[in-house]
Protein backbone atom coordinates (compact mmCIF):
# COMPACT_ATOMS: atom_id res chain seq x y z
CA UNK A 1 39.14 27.08 47.97
CA UNK A 2 40.31 23.56 47.46
CA UNK A 3 40.67 21.96 44.04
CA UNK A 4 37.92 19.42 44.77
CA UNK A 5 35.44 22.21 45.55
CA UNK A 6 36.48 24.04 42.41
CA UNK A 7 35.96 20.88 40.28
CA UNK A 8 32.51 20.37 41.81
CA UNK A 9 31.49 23.96 41.05
CA UNK A 10 32.73 23.65 37.45
CA UNK A 11 30.85 20.35 36.99
CA UNK A 12 27.61 21.94 38.26
CA UNK A 13 28.00 24.90 35.89
CA UNK A 14 28.65 22.56 32.94
CA UNK A 15 25.63 20.39 33.83
CA UNK A 16 23.38 23.48 34.00
CA UNK A 17 24.62 24.75 30.63
CA UNK A 18 24.08 21.35 29.01
CA UNK A 19 20.62 21.00 30.55
CA UNK A 20 19.54 24.32 29.02
CA UNK A 21 20.64 23.32 25.50
CA UNK A 22 18.95 19.91 25.39
CA UNK A 23 16.08 19.46 22.94
CA UNK A 24 12.55 19.18 24.21
CA UNK A 25 11.36 15.66 24.91
CA UNK A 26 9.69 14.10 21.90
CA UNK A 27 6.07 13.03 21.84
CA UNK A 28 5.46 9.37 22.56
CA UNK A 29 4.96 7.28 19.44
CA UNK A 30 1.43 6.10 18.86
CA UNK A 31 0.45 3.56 16.26
CA UNK A 32 -2.12 4.75 13.72
CA UNK A 33 -5.55 3.53 14.54
CA UNK A 34 -7.47 1.47 12.00
CA UNK A 35 -11.23 1.63 11.98
CA UNK A 36 -12.84 -1.79 12.13
CA UNK A 37 -14.38 -2.96 8.86
CA UNK A 38 -17.58 -4.79 8.21
CA UNK A 39 -17.63 -8.33 9.56
CA UNK A 40 -17.23 -11.03 6.92
CA UNK A 41 -20.44 -13.02 6.53
CA UNK A 42 -18.85 -15.63 4.25
CA UNK A 43 -21.46 -15.13 1.54
CA UNK A 44 -20.34 -14.21 -1.97
CA UNK A 45 -21.38 -10.76 -3.06
CA UNK A 46 -24.15 -10.70 -5.65
CA UNK A 47 -23.02 -9.86 -9.18
CA UNK A 48 -24.78 -7.37 -11.35
CA UNK A 49 -26.44 -9.20 -14.26
CA UNK A 50 -25.07 -8.57 -17.76
CA UNK A 51 -27.53 -6.56 -19.80
CA UNK A 52 -26.58 -6.05 -23.46
CA UNK A 53 -27.88 -3.02 -25.31
CA UNK A 54 -31.20 -3.95 -26.95
CA UNK A 55 -30.62 -2.32 -30.37
CA UNK A 56 -26.88 -2.91 -30.75
CA UNK A 57 -25.63 -5.02 -33.66
CA UNK A 58 -22.08 -6.39 -33.72
CA UNK A 59 -19.92 -4.93 -36.44
CA UNK A 60 -19.35 -7.34 -39.37
CA UNK A 61 -15.62 -6.59 -39.33
CA UNK A 62 -15.36 -7.80 -35.72
CA UNK A 63 -17.12 -11.05 -36.57
CA UNK A 64 -14.65 -11.78 -39.38
CA UNK A 65 -11.65 -11.05 -37.19
CA UNK A 66 -12.88 -13.36 -34.43
CA UNK A 67 -12.24 -16.45 -36.58
CA UNK A 68 -8.74 -15.26 -37.44
CA UNK A 69 -7.92 -14.61 -33.80
CA UNK A 70 -9.19 -18.03 -32.74
CA UNK A 71 -7.11 -19.69 -35.47
CA UNK A 72 -3.98 -17.82 -34.40
CA UNK A 73 -4.48 -18.88 -30.79
CA UNK A 74 -5.13 -22.49 -31.81
CA UNK A 75 -1.99 -22.56 -33.98
CA UNK A 76 0.09 -21.18 -31.15
CA UNK A 77 -0.85 -24.04 -28.83
CA UNK A 78 -0.68 -26.91 -31.31
CA UNK A 79 2.14 -29.37 -31.00
CA UNK A 80 5.11 -28.56 -33.24
CA UNK A 81 5.88 -32.27 -33.81
CA UNK A 82 2.78 -32.96 -35.94
């Protein structure tokens, strides 16, 4: 047996051993599918009308605090050079 034949036989054995230990081929990547949405008609969606409770009365404490809150906000935005 010549050395070239021996090298070829060894290469074939190594290739077989490596082919057996290779991982299985992976699945092809697929992009996630997105379901199509409703087509845009360009019209604004109707808003639900505001319906206050018929028998509800505002608390008197809240009415008194509203003036104080408005004054605080107004003072915050007034010019400091006055």
